[in-house]
Protein backbone atom coordinates (compact mmCIF):
# COMPACT_ATOMS: atom_id res chain seq x y z
CA MET A 1 -12.17 18.31 -10.98
CA LYS A 2 -9.64 19.78 -13.52
CA ILE A 3 -5.77 19.60 -13.35
CA ARG A 4 -4.12 22.30 -15.29
CA PRO A 5 -0.66 24.05 -15.27
CA ILE A 6 -0.44 26.76 -12.60
CA VAL A 7 -0.72 30.35 -13.92
CA ALA A 8 0.20 33.75 -12.07
CA LYS A 9 -3.41 34.24 -11.02
CA ASP A 10 -3.34 30.92 -9.10
CA ARG A 11 -0.13 31.84 -7.01
CA GLN A 12 -1.96 33.45 -3.91
CA ALA A 13 -4.65 30.66 -4.12
CA VAL A 14 -1.98 27.91 -3.84
CA LEU A 15 -0.02 29.68 -1.06
CA GLU A 16 -3.18 29.80 1.04
CA VAL A 17 -3.69 26.46 0.51
CA ILE A 18 -0.24 25.35 1.65
CA HIS A 19 -0.69 27.59 4.85
CA LEU A 20 -4.22 26.47 5.67
CA THR A 21 -2.94 22.86 5.82
CA GLY A 22 -1.30 23.61 9.07
CA ILE A 23 1.52 21.11 8.11
CA PHE A 24 4.41 23.21 6.94
CA THR A 25 6.81 25.35 8.63
CA GLN A 26 7.32 29.00 7.92
CA GLU A 27 10.53 28.08 5.94
CA GLU A 28 8.71 25.20 3.92
CA GLU A 29 6.04 27.28 2.96
CA ARG A 30 9.10 29.90 1.61
CA VAL A 31 10.59 27.15 -0.42
CA ALA A 32 7.32 26.14 -1.75
CA ALA A 33 6.50 29.64 -2.94
CA GLU A 34 10.17 29.83 -4.33
CA LEU A 35 9.40 26.69 -6.65
CA ILE A 36 6.22 27.95 -7.82
CA ASP A 37 7.79 31.36 -8.77
CA VAL A 38 10.37 29.56 -10.73
CA CYS A 39 7.73 27.80 -12.62
CA LEU A 40 5.82 31.20 -13.04
CA THR A 41 8.84 33.31 -13.94
CA LYS A 42 10.86 30.91 -16.11
CA PRO A 43 8.85 29.19 -18.45
CA GLY A 44 11.65 27.53 -20.06
CA GLN A 45 12.92 25.57 -17.14
CA GLN A 46 12.56 21.87 -17.00
CA ASP A 47 13.40 21.39 -12.94
CA TYR A 48 9.96 21.78 -11.81
CA VAL A 49 6.27 21.09 -13.04
CA VAL A 50 3.73 22.67 -10.61
CA VAL A 51 -0.17 21.88 -11.57
CA VAL A 52 -3.25 22.71 -9.64
CA ILE A 53 -6.52 21.24 -9.09
CA GLU A 54 -10.06 23.29 -9.50
CA ASN A 55 -13.26 22.04 -8.16
CA GLU A 56 -16.24 22.00 -10.02
CA SER A 57 -16.76 25.72 -9.75
CA GLY A 58 -13.37 26.22 -10.88
CA VAL A 59 -11.93 27.14 -7.46
CA VAL A 60 -8.07 26.14 -6.82
CA VAL A 61 -8.14 23.57 -3.88
CA GLY A 62 -5.02 21.92 -4.24
CA TYR A 63 -1.59 21.83 -6.31
CA MET A 64 1.39 19.55 -6.83
CA CYS A 65 5.02 20.40 -7.73
CA TYR A 66 7.28 17.74 -9.02
CA GLY A 67 10.40 17.25 -11.62
CA PRO A 68 12.67 14.94 -12.95
CA THR A 69 15.81 13.52 -10.25
CA PRO A 70 18.56 14.82 -11.52
CA MET A 71 21.17 12.09 -12.99
CA ALA A 72 18.42 9.40 -12.56
CA GLU A 73 16.68 8.04 -15.77
CA GLY A 74 13.09 7.82 -15.62
CA VAL A 75 12.79 8.89 -12.02
CA VAL A 76 10.64 11.79 -10.84
CA ASP A 77 10.24 13.44 -7.23
CA LEU A 78 7.10 14.54 -6.12
CA TYR A 79 8.41 17.69 -3.90
CA TRP A 80 4.95 19.12 -2.77
CA MET A 81 1.42 18.46 -2.58
CA ALA A 82 -1.21 20.04 -0.66
CA VAL A 83 -5.19 20.11 -0.72
CA HIS A 84 -7.38 22.46 1.16
CA PRO A 85 -8.01 21.02 4.57
CA GLY A 86 -11.64 21.39 3.90
CA LYS A 87 -11.38 19.32 0.67
CA HIS A 88 -9.60 16.41 2.28
CA ARG A 89 -11.16 12.98 1.62
CA GLN A 90 -12.72 14.00 -1.48
CA GLY A 91 -10.61 12.56 -3.90
CA TYR A 92 -8.38 15.74 -5.00
CA GLY A 93 -5.10 14.34 -3.56
CA LYS A 94 -6.06 11.00 -5.44
CA ALA A 95 -6.65 12.69 -8.69
CA LEU A 96 -3.33 14.70 -8.40
CA VAL A 97 -1.17 11.57 -7.81
CA GLN A 98 -3.05 9.64 -10.53
CA TRP A 99 -2.48 12.40 -13.00
CA LEU A 100 1.41 12.56 -11.93
CA GLU A 101 1.52 8.79 -12.44
CA LYS A 102 0.07 9.04 -15.99
CA ASP A 103 2.08 12.09 -16.76
CA VAL A 104 5.41 10.10 -15.97
CA ARG A 105 4.35 6.85 -17.69
CA GLY A 106 3.87 9.11 -20.67
CA LYS A 107 7.07 10.33 -20.64
CA LYS A 108 8.61 6.86 -20.12
CA GLY A 109 9.36 7.46 -16.46
CA ARG A 110 9.77 4.26 -14.54
CA LEU A 111 9.80 5.55 -10.64
CA ILE A 112 8.41 7.99 -8.31
CA VAL A 113 9.80 9.13 -5.15
CA ILE A 114 8.15 10.86 -2.32
CA GLU A 115 10.12 12.10 0.52
CA THR A 116 8.27 13.25 3.73
CA SER A 117 8.42 13.39 7.60
CA ALA A 118 8.03 10.52 10.22
CA LYS A 119 6.43 13.13 12.72
CA ASP A 120 3.00 12.07 13.90
CA LYS A 121 1.47 15.24 12.17
CA TYR A 122 2.30 13.41 8.85
CA ALA A 123 0.81 9.92 9.51
CA ILE A 124 -2.15 10.63 7.45
CA THR A 125 0.01 11.73 4.59
CA ARG A 126 2.07 8.72 4.78
CA LYS A 127 -1.12 6.68 4.94
CA PHE A 128 -2.34 8.31 2.06
CA TYR A 129 0.75 7.49 -0.20
CA GLN A 130 0.48 3.88 1.30
CA ARG A 131 -3.09 3.43 0.22
CA LEU A 132 -2.33 4.48 -3.37
CA GLY A 133 0.69 1.86 -3.65
CA TYR A 134 3.74 3.71 -2.49
CA VAL A 135 6.12 1.85 -0.38
CA GLU A 136 8.48 2.94 2.32
CA ASN A 137 11.97 2.21 0.75
CA ALA A 138 14.26 4.20 3.06
CA ARG A 139 14.17 5.98 6.26
CA ILE A 140 16.98 8.42 7.49
CA ARG A 141 17.05 8.89 11.24
CA ASP A 142 17.30 12.37 12.70
CA PHE A 143 17.22 14.08 9.03
CA TYR A 144 15.43 17.07 9.19
CA ARG A 145 16.21 17.72 12.87
CA LEU A 146 16.91 15.37 16.03
CA GLY A 147 13.90 13.28 16.32
CA GLU A 148 12.51 13.83 12.91
CA ASP A 149 13.21 11.06 10.41
CA LEU A 150 12.78 11.50 6.81
CA VAL A 151 11.15 8.57 5.04
CA MET A 152 11.05 7.80 1.33
CA TYR A 153 8.40 6.33 -0.38
CA CYS A 154 8.75 5.01 -4.12
CA LYS A 155 6.14 3.47 -6.35
CA TYR A 156 7.57 1.72 -9.67
CA LEU A 157 5.35 2.21 -12.49
CA LYS A 158 4.66 -0.23 -15.37
CA PRO A 159 4.62 0.96 -18.72
CA GLU A 160 1.10 2.10 -20.34
CA GLY A 161 -0.52 -0.97 -21.58
CA ALA A 162 1.57 -3.40 -19.50
């Protein structure tokens, strides 16, 4: 496994991974593509970071998009993460989250926030985050649409060596 910043040649593979998950709506896929494009076309921007994860053969099998939370000191939002459905339960998602935590700690960050849906199709995603130590800190009823709550998970990070 190798995690590295996204480059232009990764764009189509990442969009395919996002689509193949079957989780995201067309609008969500469009927004994910927009954020990827921001990272690829505006190298000086500091709002979003996109990384990819490759398998042992160098094939992109997942990605993650995150960034600092505006006006919140040491807080990072994990905006998007997707792993190819054929690669689930092989450690790629866990490796991405652990990489994020190390990156955030290295920049003296203290908190990672993840927002997701309470819909049943996201149950596996929510359990995944819980297994990695993320705790549900908030829930907003009917946030995305009637009957679809927003669930916020958080993890407070201890400084490296603490």
